[in-house]
Amino acid sequence: CAVRERYSSGTIYSEQSDYDYWGQGT
């Protein structure tokens, strides 16, 4: 799971670099 906390324009972000925080994975 990834969270984009910086400004989000309503676009869908599909690159890893678009996200700020990551979970540990399941």
mmCIF file of all heavy atoms, coordinates in Angstrom:
data_MODEL
# 
_entry.id   MODEL 
# 
loop_
_atom_site.group_PDB 
_atom_site.id 
_atom_site.type_symbol 
_atom_site.label_atom_id 
_atom_site.label_alt_id 
_atom_site.label_comp_id 
_atom_site.label_asym_id 
_atom_site.label_entity_id 
_atom_site.label_seq_id 
_atom_site.pdbx_PDB_ins_code 
_atom_site.Cartn_x 
_atom_site.Cartn_y 
_atom_site.Cartn_z 
_atom_site.occupancy 
_atom_site.B_iso_or_equiv 
_atom_site.pdbx_formal_charge 
_atom_site.auth_seq_id 
_atom_site.auth_comp_id 
_atom_site.auth_asym_id 
_atom_site.auth_atom_id 
_atom_site.pdbx_PDB_model_num 
ATOM 1   N N   . CYS A 1 1  ? 0.853  -1.183 0.000   1.00 0.00 ? 1  CYS A N   1 
ATOM 2   C CA  . CYS A 1 1  ? 0.000  0.000  0.000   1.00 0.00 ? 1  CYS A CA  1 
ATOM 3   C C   . CYS A 1 1  ? 0.892  1.238  0.000   1.00 0.00 ? 1  CYS A C   1 
ATOM 4   O O   . CYS A 1 1  ? 1.919  1.266  0.695   1.00 0.00 ? 1  CYS A O   1 
ATOM 5   C CB  . CYS A 1 1  ? -0.878 -0.021 1.249   1.00 0.00 ? 1  CYS A CB  1 
ATOM 6   S SG  . CYS A 1 1  ? -1.873 1.449  1.507   1.00 0.00 ? 1  CYS A SG  1 
ATOM 7   N N   . ALA A 1 2  ? 0.510  2.232  -0.768  1.00 0.00 ? 2  ALA A N   1 
ATOM 8   C CA  . ALA A 1 2  ? 1.292  3.458  -0.860  1.00 0.00 ? 2  ALA A CA  1 
ATOM 9   C C   . ALA A 1 2  ? 0.395  4.673  -0.667  1.00 0.00 ? 2  ALA A C   1 
ATOM 10  O O   . ALA A 1 2  ? -0.756 4.686  -1.123  1.00 0.00 ? 2  ALA A O   1 
ATOM 11  C CB  . ALA A 1 2  ? 1.987  3.528  -2.220  1.00 0.00 ? 2  ALA A CB  1 
ATOM 12  N N   . VAL A 1 3  ? 0.951  5.678  -0.006  1.00 0.00 ? 3  VAL A N   1 
ATOM 13  C CA  . VAL A 1 3  ? 0.221  6.904  0.313   1.00 0.00 ? 3  VAL A CA  1 
ATOM 14  C C   . VAL A 1 3  ? 0.934  8.090  -0.328  1.00 0.00 ? 3  VAL A C   1 
ATOM 15  O O   . VAL A 1 3  ? 2.141  8.270  -0.150  1.00 0.00 ? 3  VAL A O   1 
ATOM 16  C CB  . VAL A 1 3  ? 0.142  7.131  1.834   1.00 0.00 ? 3  VAL A CB  1 
ATOM 17  C CG1 . VAL A 1 3  ? -0.624 8.411  2.143   1.00 0.00 ? 3  VAL A CG1 1 
ATOM 18  C CG2 . VAL A 1 3  ? -0.490 5.940  2.521   1.00 0.00 ? 3  VAL A CG2 1 
ATOM 19  N N   . ARG A 1 4  ? 0.180  8.895  -1.032  1.00 0.00 ? 4  ARG A N   1 
ATOM 20  C CA  . ARG A 1 4  ? 0.709  10.140 -1.583  1.00 0.00 ? 4  ARG A CA  1 
ATOM 21  C C   . ARG A 1 4  ? 0.175  11.278 -0.726  1.00 0.00 ? 4  ARG A C   1 
ATOM 22  O O   . ARG A 1 4  ? -0.981 11.695 -0.898  1.00 0.00 ? 4  ARG A O   1 
ATOM 23  C CB  . ARG A 1 4  ? 0.305  10.325 -3.038  1.00 0.00 ? 4  ARG A CB  1 
ATOM 24  C CG  . ARG A 1 4  ? 0.808  11.636 -3.637  1.00 0.00 ? 4  ARG A CG  1 
ATOM 25  C CD  . ARG A 1 4  ? 0.327  11.808 -5.072  1.00 0.00 ? 4  ARG A CD  1 
ATOM 26  N NE  . ARG A 1 4  ? 0.598  13.155 -5.556  1.00 0.00 ? 4  ARG A NE  1 
ATOM 27  C CZ  . ARG A 1 4  ? 1.706  13.491 -6.190  1.00 0.00 ? 4  ARG A CZ  1 
ATOM 28  N NH1 . ARG A 1 4  ? 2.641  12.594 -6.458  1.00 0.00 ? 4  ARG A NH1 1 
ATOM 29  N NH2 . ARG A 1 4  ? 1.871  14.736 -6.584  1.00 0.00 ? 4  ARG A NH2 1 
ATOM 30  N N   . GLU A 1 5  ? 0.984  11.776 0.193   1.00 0.00 ? 5  GLU A N   1 
ATOM 31  C CA  . GLU A 1 5  ? 0.523  12.820 1.106   1.00 0.00 ? 5  GLU A CA  1 
ATOM 32  C C   . GLU A 1 5  ? 0.676  14.205 0.488   1.00 0.00 ? 5  GLU A C   1 
ATOM 33  O O   . GLU A 1 5  ? -0.054 15.126 0.827   1.00 0.00 ? 5  GLU A O   1 
ATOM 34  C CB  . GLU A 1 5  ? 1.286  12.756 2.424   1.00 0.00 ? 5  GLU A CB  1 
ATOM 35  C CG  . GLU A 1 5  ? 0.705  13.643 3.514   1.00 0.00 ? 5  GLU A CG  1 
ATOM 36  C CD  . GLU A 1 5  ? 1.473  13.540 4.811   1.00 0.00 ? 5  GLU A CD  1 
ATOM 37  O OE1 . GLU A 1 5  ? 2.717  13.563 4.761   1.00 0.00 ? 5  GLU A OE1 1 
ATOM 38  O OE2 . GLU A 1 5  ? 0.820  13.425 5.878   1.00 0.00 ? 5  GLU A OE2 1 
ATOM 39  N N   . ARG A 1 6  ? 1.641  14.375 -0.413  1.00 0.00 ? 6  ARG A N   1 
ATOM 40  C CA  . ARG A 1 6  ? 1.806  15.681 -1.066  1.00 0.00 ? 6  ARG A CA  1 
ATOM 41  C C   . ARG A 1 6  ? 0.591  15.947 -1.938  1.00 0.00 ? 6  ARG A C   1 
ATOM 42  O O   . ARG A 1 6  ? -0.268 15.088 -2.136  1.00 0.00 ? 6  ARG A O   1 
ATOM 43  C CB  . ARG A 1 6  ? 3.101  15.680 -1.900  1.00 0.00 ? 6  ARG A CB  1 
ATOM 44  C CG  . ARG A 1 6  ? 3.029  14.857 -3.169  1.00 0.00 ? 6  ARG A CG  1 
ATOM 45  C CD  . ARG A 1 6  ? 4.357  14.697 -3.849  1.00 0.00 ? 6  ARG A CD  1 
ATOM 46  N NE  . ARG A 1 6  ? 4.975  13.444 -3.495  1.00 0.00 ? 6  ARG A NE  1 
ATOM 47  C CZ  . ARG A 1 6  ? 5.772  12.757 -4.302  1.00 0.00 ? 6  ARG A CZ  1 
ATOM 48  N NH1 . ARG A 1 6  ? 6.063  13.248 -5.495  1.00 0.00 ? 6  ARG A NH1 1 
ATOM 49  N NH2 . ARG A 1 6  ? 6.307  11.615 -3.912  1.00 0.00 ? 6  ARG A NH2 1 
ATOM 50  N N   . TYR A 1 7  ? 0.518  17.128 -2.481  1.00 0.00 ? 7  TYR A N   1 
ATOM 51  C CA  . TYR A 1 7  ? -0.649 17.545 -3.233  1.00 0.00 ? 7  TYR A CA  1 
ATOM 52  C C   . TYR A 1 7  ? -1.084 16.495 -4.258  1.00 0.00 ? 7  TYR A C   1 
ATOM 53  O O   . TYR A 1 7  ? -0.270 15.981 -5.030  1.00 0.00 ? 7  TYR A O   1 
ATOM 54  C CB  . TYR A 1 7  ? -0.367 18.861 -3.954  1.00 0.00 ? 7  TYR A CB  1 
ATOM 55  C CG  . TYR A 1 7  ? -1.463 19.275 -4.902  1.00 0.00 ? 7  TYR A CG  1 
ATOM 56  C CD1 . TYR A 1 7  ? -2.674 19.751 -4.418  1.00 0.00 ? 7  TYR A CD1 1 
ATOM 57  C CD2 . TYR A 1 7  ? -1.301 19.155 -6.283  1.00 0.00 ? 7  TYR A CD2 1 
ATOM 58  C CE1 . TYR A 1 7  ? -3.697 20.107 -5.280  1.00 0.00 ? 7  TYR A CE1 1 
ATOM 59  C CE2 . TYR A 1 7  ? -2.312 19.500 -7.151  1.00 0.00 ? 7  TYR A CE2 1 
ATOM 60  C CZ  . TYR A 1 7  ? -3.504 19.984 -6.649  1.00 0.00 ? 7  TYR A CZ  1 
ATOM 61  O OH  . TYR A 1 7  ? -4.508 20.328 -7.513  1.00 0.00 ? 7  TYR A OH  1 
ATOM 62  N N   . SER A 1 8  ? -2.375 16.184 -4.230  1.00 0.00 ? 8  SER A N   1 
ATOM 63  C CA  . SER A 1 8  ? -2.947 15.232 -5.188  1.00 0.00 ? 8  SER A CA  1 
ATOM 64  C C   . SER A 1 8  ? -4.027 15.951 -5.965  1.00 0.00 ? 8  SER A C   1 
ATOM 65  O O   . SER A 1 8  ? -4.976 16.475 -5.379  1.00 0.00 ? 8  SER A O   1 
ATOM 66  C CB  . SER A 1 8  ? -3.535 14.020 -4.459  1.00 0.00 ? 8  SER A CB  1 
ATOM 67  O OG  . SER A 1 8  ? -2.538 13.295 -3.801  1.00 0.00 ? 8  SER A OG  1 
ATOM 68  N N   . SER A 1 9  ? -3.909 15.960 -7.268  1.00 0.00 ? 9  SER A N   1 
ATOM 69  C CA  . SER A 1 9  ? -4.802 16.757 -8.100  1.00 0.00 ? 9  SER A CA  1 
ATOM 70  C C   . SER A 1 9  ? -6.063 16.030 -8.509  1.00 0.00 ? 9  SER A C   1 
ATOM 71  O O   . SER A 1 9  ? -6.865 16.586 -9.241  1.00 0.00 ? 9  SER A O   1 
ATOM 72  C CB  . SER A 1 9  ? -4.046 17.181 -9.364  1.00 0.00 ? 9  SER A CB  1 
ATOM 73  O OG  . SER A 1 9  ? -3.713 16.028 -10.119 1.00 0.00 ? 9  SER A OG  1 
ATOM 74  N N   . GLY A 1 10 ? -6.229 14.797 -8.030  1.00 0.00 ? 10 GLY A N   1 
ATOM 75  C CA  . GLY A 1 10 ? -7.353 14.013 -8.509  1.00 0.00 ? 10 GLY A CA  1 
ATOM 76  C C   . GLY A 1 10 ? -6.929 13.039 -9.579  1.00 0.00 ? 10 GLY A C   1 
ATOM 77  O O   . GLY A 1 10 ? -7.721 12.231 -10.048 1.00 0.00 ? 10 GLY A O   1 
ATOM 78  N N   . THR A 1 11 ? -5.641 13.121 -9.933  1.00 0.00 ? 11 THR A N   1 
ATOM 79  C CA  . THR A 1 11 ? -5.065 12.196 -10.896 1.00 0.00 ? 11 THR A CA  1 
ATOM 80  C C   . THR A 1 11 ? -4.737 10.878 -10.211 1.00 0.00 ? 11 THR A C   1 
ATOM 81  O O   . THR A 1 11 ? -4.522 10.843 -9.005  1.00 0.00 ? 11 THR A O   1 
ATOM 82  C CB  . THR A 1 11 ? -3.768 12.808 -11.460 1.00 0.00 ? 11 THR A CB  1 
ATOM 83  O OG1 . THR A 1 11 ? -4.065 14.074 -12.021 1.00 0.00 ? 11 THR A OG1 1 
ATOM 84  C CG2 . THR A 1 11 ? -3.137 11.909 -12.501 1.00 0.00 ? 11 THR A CG2 1 
ATOM 85  N N   . ILE A 1 12 ? -4.677 9.833  -10.987 1.00 0.00 ? 12 ILE A N   1 
ATOM 86  C CA  . ILE A 1 12 ? -4.196 8.560  -10.473 1.00 0.00 ? 12 ILE A CA  1 
ATOM 87  C C   . ILE A 1 12 ? -2.693 8.502  -10.711 1.00 0.00 ? 12 ILE A C   1 
ATOM 88  O O   . ILE A 1 12 ? -2.226 8.736  -11.826 1.00 0.00 ? 12 ILE A O   1 
ATOM 89  C CB  . ILE A 1 12 ? -4.871 7.366  -11.185 1.00 0.00 ? 12 ILE A CB  1 
ATOM 90  C CG1 . ILE A 1 12 ? -6.375 7.419  -10.954 1.00 0.00 ? 12 ILE A CG1 1 
ATOM 91  C CG2 . ILE A 1 12 ? -4.284 6.043  -10.689 1.00 0.00 ? 12 ILE A CG2 1 
ATOM 92  C CD1 . ILE A 1 12 ? -6.786 7.331  -9.510  1.00 0.00 ? 12 ILE A CD1 1 
ATOM 93  N N   . TYR A 1 13 ? -1.950 8.182  -9.669  1.00 0.00 ? 13 TYR A N   1 
ATOM 94  C CA  . TYR A 1 13 ? -0.493 8.153  -9.739  1.00 0.00 ? 13 TYR A CA  1 
ATOM 95  C C   . TYR A 1 13 ? -0.032 6.710  -9.812  1.00 0.00 ? 13 TYR A C   1 
ATOM 96  O O   . TYR A 1 13 ? -0.361 5.906  -8.953  1.00 0.00 ? 13 TYR A O   1 
ATOM 97  C CB  . TYR A 1 13 ? 0.088  8.864  -8.527  1.00 0.00 ? 13 TYR A CB  1 
ATOM 98  C CG  . TYR A 1 13 ? -0.335 10.311 -8.463  1.00 0.00 ? 13 TYR A CG  1 
ATOM 99  C CD1 . TYR A 1 13 ? -1.472 10.690 -7.764  1.00 0.00 ? 13 TYR A CD1 1 
ATOM 100 C CD2 . TYR A 1 13 ? 0.393  11.288 -9.127  1.00 0.00 ? 13 TYR A CD2 1 
ATOM 101 C CE1 . TYR A 1 13 ? -1.867 12.010 -7.729  1.00 0.00 ? 13 TYR A CE1 1 
ATOM 102 C CE2 . TYR A 1 13 ? 0.006  12.614 -9.089  1.00 0.00 ? 13 TYR A CE2 1 
ATOM 103 C CZ  . TYR A 1 13 ? -1.136 12.974 -8.393  1.00 0.00 ? 13 TYR A CZ  1 
ATOM 104 O OH  . TYR A 1 13 ? -1.521 14.274 -8.364  1.00 0.00 ? 13 TYR A OH  1 
ATOM 105 N N   . SER A 1 14 ? 0.723  6.381  -10.835 1.00 0.00 ? 14 SER A N   1 
ATOM 106 C CA  . SER A 1 14 ? 1.096  4.978  -11.069 1.00 0.00 ? 14 SER A CA  1 
ATOM 107 C C   . SER A 1 14 ? 2.593  4.714  -10.966 1.00 0.00 ? 14 SER A C   1 
ATOM 108 O O   . SER A 1 14 ? 3.029  3.580  -11.174 1.00 0.00 ? 14 SER A O   1 
ATOM 109 C CB  . SER A 1 14 ? 0.606  4.532  -12.451 1.00 0.00 ? 14 SER A CB  1 
ATOM 110 O OG  . SER A 1 14 ? 1.177  5.339  -13.461 1.00 0.00 ? 14 SER A OG  1 
ATOM 111 N N   . GLU A 1 15 ? 3.373  5.727  -10.624 1.00 0.00 ? 15 GLU A N   1 
ATOM 112 C CA  . GLU A 1 15 ? 4.811  5.532  -10.466 1.00 0.00 ? 15 GLU A CA  1 
ATOM 113 C C   . GLU A 1 15 ? 5.155  5.468  -8.983  1.00 0.00 ? 15 GLU A C   1 
ATOM 114 O O   . GLU A 1 15 ? 4.574  6.189  -8.172  1.00 0.00 ? 15 GLU A O   1 
ATOM 115 C CB  . GLU A 1 15 ? 5.580  6.680  -11.116 1.00 0.00 ? 15 GLU A CB  1 
ATOM 116 C CG  . GLU A 1 15 ? 5.353  6.821  -12.607 1.00 0.00 ? 15 GLU A CG  1 
ATOM 117 C CD  . GLU A 1 15 ? 5.891  5.649  -13.379 1.00 0.00 ? 15 GLU A CD  1 
ATOM 118 O OE1 . GLU A 1 15 ? 6.908  5.061  -12.947 1.00 0.00 ? 15 GLU A OE1 1 
ATOM 119 O OE2 . GLU A 1 15 ? 5.307  5.302  -14.424 1.00 0.00 ? 15 GLU A OE2 1 
ATOM 120 N N   . GLN A 1 16 ? 6.120  4.640  -8.642  1.00 0.00 ? 16 GLN A N   1 
ATOM 121 C CA  . GLN A 1 16 ? 6.515  4.525  -7.244  1.00 0.00 ? 16 GLN A CA  1 
ATOM 122 C C   . GLN A 1 16 ? 6.975  5.863  -6.681  1.00 0.00 ? 16 GLN A C   1 
ATOM 123 O O   . GLN A 1 16 ? 6.681  6.184  -5.516  1.00 0.00 ? 16 GLN A O   1 
ATOM 124 C CB  . GLN A 1 16 ? 7.636  3.494  -7.104  1.00 0.00 ? 16 GLN A CB  1 
ATOM 125 C CG  . GLN A 1 16 ? 7.200  2.076  -7.438  1.00 0.00 ? 16 GLN A CG  1 
ATOM 126 C CD  . GLN A 1 16 ? 8.311  1.074  -7.224  1.00 0.00 ? 16 GLN A CD  1 
ATOM 127 O OE1 . GLN A 1 16 ? 8.822  0.922  -6.124  1.00 0.00 ? 16 GLN A OE1 1 
ATOM 128 N NE2 . GLN A 1 16 ? 8.685  0.375  -8.300  1.00 0.00 ? 16 GLN A NE2 1 
ATOM 129 N N   . SER A 1 17 ? 7.631  6.656  -7.483  1.00 0.00 ? 17 SER A N   1 
ATOM 130 C CA  . SER A 1 17 ? 8.148  7.942  -7.024  1.00 0.00 ? 17 SER A CA  1 
ATOM 131 C C   . SER A 1 17 ? 7.047  8.959  -6.740  1.00 0.00 ? 17 SER A C   1 
ATOM 132 O O   . SER A 1 17 ? 7.304  10.004 -6.149  1.00 0.00 ? 17 SER A O   1 
ATOM 133 C CB  . SER A 1 17 ? 9.119  8.511  -8.062  1.00 0.00 ? 17 SER A CB  1 
ATOM 134 O OG  . SER A 1 17 ? 8.472  8.671  -9.317  1.00 0.00 ? 17 SER A OG  1 
ATOM 135 N N   . ASP A 1 18 ? 5.831  8.642  -7.142  1.00 0.00 ? 18 ASP A N   1 
ATOM 136 C CA  . ASP A 1 18 ? 4.698  9.533  -6.869  1.00 0.00 ? 18 ASP A CA  1 
ATOM 137 C C   . ASP A 1 18 ? 4.212  9.443  -5.424  1.00 0.00 ? 18 ASP A C   1 
ATOM 138 O O   . ASP A 1 18 ? 3.407  10.263 -5.002  1.00 0.00 ? 18 ASP A O   1 
ATOM 139 C CB  . ASP A 1 18 ? 3.519  9.186  -7.791  1.00 0.00 ? 18 ASP A CB  1 
ATOM 140 C CG  . ASP A 1 18 ? 3.791  9.520  -9.245  1.00 0.00 ? 18 ASP A CG  1 
ATOM 141 O OD1 . ASP A 1 18 ? 4.528  10.490 -9.520  1.00 0.00 ? 18 ASP A OD1 1 
ATOM 142 O OD2 . ASP A 1 18 ? 3.261  8.794  -10.124 1.00 0.00 ? 18 ASP A OD2 1 
ATOM 143 N N   . TYR A 1 19 ? 4.672  8.441  -4.724  1.00 0.00 ? 19 TYR A N   1 
ATOM 144 C CA  . TYR A 1 19 ? 4.164  8.166  -3.375  1.00 0.00 ? 19 TYR A CA  1 
ATOM 145 C C   . TYR A 1 19 ? 5.189  8.475  -2.297  1.00 0.00 ? 19 TYR A C   1 
ATOM 146 O O   . TYR A 1 19 ? 6.386  8.382  -2.513  1.00 0.00 ? 19 TYR A O   1 
ATOM 147 C CB  . TYR A 1 19 ? 3.699  6.712  -3.287  1.00 0.00 ? 19 TYR A CB  1 
ATOM 148 C CG  . TYR A 1 19 ? 2.466  6.474  -4.128  1.00 0.00 ? 19 TYR A CG  1 
ATOM 149 C CD1 . TYR A 1 19 ? 2.573  6.154  -5.476  1.00 0.00 ? 19 TYR A CD1 1 
ATOM 150 C CD2 . TYR A 1 19 ? 1.194  6.621  -3.588  1.00 0.00 ? 19 TYR A CD2 1 
ATOM 151 C CE1 . TYR A 1 19 ? 1.446  5.976  -6.267  1.00 0.00 ? 19 TYR A CE1 1 
ATOM 152 C CE2 . TYR A 1 19 ? 0.062  6.440  -4.363  1.00 0.00 ? 19 TYR A CE2 1 
ATOM 153 C CZ  . TYR A 1 19 ? 0.200  6.120  -5.704  1.00 0.00 ? 19 TYR A CZ  1 
ATOM 154 O OH  . TYR A 1 19 ? -0.927 5.956  -6.474  1.00 0.00 ? 19 TYR A OH  1 
ATOM 155 N N   . ASP A 1 20 ? 4.662  8.857  -1.129  1.00 0.00 ? 20 ASP A N   1 
ATOM 156 C CA  . ASP A 1 20 ? 5.514  9.319  -0.039  1.00 0.00 ? 20 ASP A CA  1 
ATOM 157 C C   . ASP A 1 20 ? 5.750  8.281  1.052   1.00 0.00 ? 20 ASP A C   1 
ATOM 158 O O   . ASP A 1 20 ? 6.776  8.293  1.711   1.00 0.00 ? 20 ASP A O   1 
ATOM 159 C CB  . ASP A 1 20 ? 4.882  10.569 0.605   1.00 0.00 ? 20 ASP A CB  1 
ATOM 160 C CG  . ASP A 1 20 ? 4.650  11.670 -0.414  1.00 0.00 ? 20 ASP A CG  1 
ATOM 161 O OD1 . ASP A 1 20 ? 5.637  12.088 -1.058  1.00 0.00 ? 20 ASP A OD1 1 
ATOM 162 O OD2 . ASP A 1 20 ? 3.489  12.098 -0.587  1.00 0.00 ? 20 ASP A OD2 1 
ATOM 163 N N   . TYR A 1 21 ? 4.780  7.418  1.281   1.00 0.00 ? 21 TYR A N   1 
ATOM 164 C CA  . TYR A 1 21 ? 4.878  6.434  2.351   1.00 0.00 ? 21 TYR A CA  1 
ATOM 165 C C   . TYR A 1 21 ? 4.447  5.068  1.838   1.00 0.00 ? 21 TYR A C   1 
ATOM 166 O O   . TYR A 1 21 ? 3.524  4.959  1.020   1.00 0.00 ? 21 TYR A O   1 
ATOM 167 C CB  . TYR A 1 21 ? 3.988  6.838  3.543   1.00 0.00 ? 21 TYR A CB  1 
ATOM 168 C CG  . TYR A 1 21 ? 4.337  8.176  4.123   1.00 0.00 ? 21 TYR A CG  1 
ATOM 169 C CD1 . TYR A 1 21 ? 3.556  9.293  3.834   1.00 0.00 ? 21 TYR A CD1 1 
ATOM 170 C CD2 . TYR A 1 21 ? 5.447  8.340  4.962   1.00 0.00 ? 21 TYR A CD2 1 
ATOM 171 C CE1 . TYR A 1 21 ? 3.870  10.536 4.354   1.00 0.00 ? 21 TYR A CE1 1 
ATOM 172 C CE2 . TYR A 1 21 ? 5.764  9.581  5.486   1.00 0.00 ? 21 TYR A CE2 1 
ATOM 173 C CZ  . TYR A 1 21 ? 4.979  10.666 5.182   1.00 0.00 ? 21 TYR A CZ  1 
ATOM 174 O OH  . TYR A 1 21 ? 5.296  11.889 5.700   1.00 0.00 ? 21 TYR A OH  1 
ATOM 175 N N   . TRP A 1 22 ? 5.089  4.052  2.382   1.00 0.00 ? 22 TRP A N   1 
ATOM 176 C CA  . TRP A 1 22 ? 4.829  2.673  1.967   1.00 0.00 ? 22 TRP A CA  1 
ATOM 177 C C   . TRP A 1 22 ? 4.614  1.781  3.171   1.00 0.00 ? 22 TRP A C   1 
ATOM 178 O O   . TRP A 1 22 ? 5.249  1.951  4.209   1.00 0.00 ? 22 TRP A O   1 
ATOM 179 C CB  . TRP A 1 22 ? 6.017  2.137  1.166   1.00 0.00 ? 22 TRP A CB  1 
ATOM 180 C CG  . TRP A 1 22 ? 6.175  2.832  -0.145  1.00 0.00 ? 22 TRP A CG  1 
ATOM 181 C CD1 . TRP A 1 22 ? 6.791  4.035  -0.374  1.00 0.00 ? 22 TRP A CD1 1 
ATOM 182 C CD2 . TRP A 1 22 ? 5.708  2.380  -1.405  1.00 0.00 ? 22 TRP A CD2 1 
ATOM 183 N NE1 . TRP A 1 22 ? 6.727  4.357  -1.708  1.00 0.00 ? 22 TRP A NE1 1 
ATOM 184 C CE2 . TRP A 1 22 ? 6.065  3.348  -2.369  1.00 0.00 ? 22 TRP A CE2 1 
ATOM 185 C CE3 . TRP A 1 22 ? 5.017  1.247  -1.834  1.00 0.00 ? 22 TRP A CE3 1 
ATOM 186 C CZ2 . TRP A 1 22 ? 5.759  3.221  -3.720  1.00 0.00 ? 22 TRP A CZ2 1 
ATOM 187 C CZ3 . TRP A 1 22 ? 4.717  1.112  -3.189  1.00 0.00 ? 22 TRP A CZ3 1 
ATOM 188 C CH2 . TRP A 1 22 ? 5.088  2.090  -4.115  1.00 0.00 ? 22 TRP A CH2 1 
ATOM 189 N N   . GLY A 1 23 ? 3.722  0.801  2.989   1.00 0.00 ? 23 GLY A N   1 
ATOM 190 C CA  . GLY A 1 23 ? 3.550  -0.217 4.007   1.00 0.00 ? 23 GLY A CA  1 
ATOM 191 C C   . GLY A 1 23 ? 4.617  -1.292 3.903   1.00 0.00 ? 23 GLY A C   1 
ATOM 192 O O   . GLY A 1 23 ? 5.453  -1.261 2.994   1.00 0.00 ? 23 GLY A O   1 
ATOM 193 N N   . GLN A 1 24 ? 4.577  -2.235 4.825   1.00 0.00 ? 24 GLN A N   1 
ATOM 194 C CA  . GLN A 1 24 ? 5.567  -3.310 4.857   1.00 0.00 ? 24 GLN A CA  1 
ATOM 195 C C   . GLN A 1 24 ? 5.251  -4.415 3.849   1.00 0.00 ? 24 GLN A C   1 
ATOM 196 O O   . GLN A 1 24 ? 6.115  -5.232 3.548   1.00 0.00 ? 24 GLN A O   1 
ATOM 197 C CB  . GLN A 1 24 ? 5.627  -3.904 6.268   1.00 0.00 ? 24 GLN A CB  1 
ATOM 198 C CG  . GLN A 1 24 ? 6.147  -2.939 7.313   1.00 0.00 ? 24 GLN A CG  1 
ATOM 199 C CD  . GLN A 1 24 ? 7.573  -2.532 7.036   1.00 0.00 ? 24 GLN A CD  1 
ATOM 200 O OE1 . GLN A 1 24 ? 8.442  -3.367 6.822   1.00 0.00 ? 24 GLN A OE1 1 
ATOM 201 N NE2 . GLN A 1 24 ? 7.831  -1.231 7.029   1.00 0.00 ? 24 GLN A NE2 1 
ATOM 202 N N   . GLY A 1 25 ? 4.026  -4.434 3.374   1.00 0.00 ? 25 GLY A N   1 
ATOM 203 C CA  . GLY A 1 25 ? 3.633  -5.437 2.392   1.00 0.00 ? 25 GLY A CA  1 
ATOM 204 C C   . GLY A 1 25 ? 2.928  -6.623 3.017   1.00 0.00 ? 25 GLY A C   1 
ATOM 205 O O   . GLY A 1 25 ? 3.136  -6.951 4.187   1.00 0.00 ? 25 GLY A O   1 
ATOM 206 N N   . THR A 1 26 ? 2.086  -7.248 2.220   1.00 0.00 ? 26 THR A N   1 
ATOM 207 C CA  . THR A 1 26 ? 1.388  -8.455 2.645   1.00 0.00 ? 26 THR A CA  1 
ATOM 208 C C   . THR A 1 26 ? 1.475  -9.474 1.510   1.00 0.00 ? 26 THR A C   1 
ATOM 209 O O   . THR A 1 26 ? 1.282  -9.137 0.341   1.00 0.00 ? 26 THR A O   1 
ATOM 210 C CB  . THR A 1 26 ? -0.078 -8.154 3.031   1.00 0.00 ? 26 THR A CB  1 
ATOM 211 O OG1 . THR A 1 26 ? -0.693 -9.327 3.552   1.00 0.00 ? 26 THR A OG1 1 
ATOM 212 C CG2 . THR A 1 26 ? -0.888 -7.650 1.850   1.00 0.00 ? 26 THR A CG2 1 
# 
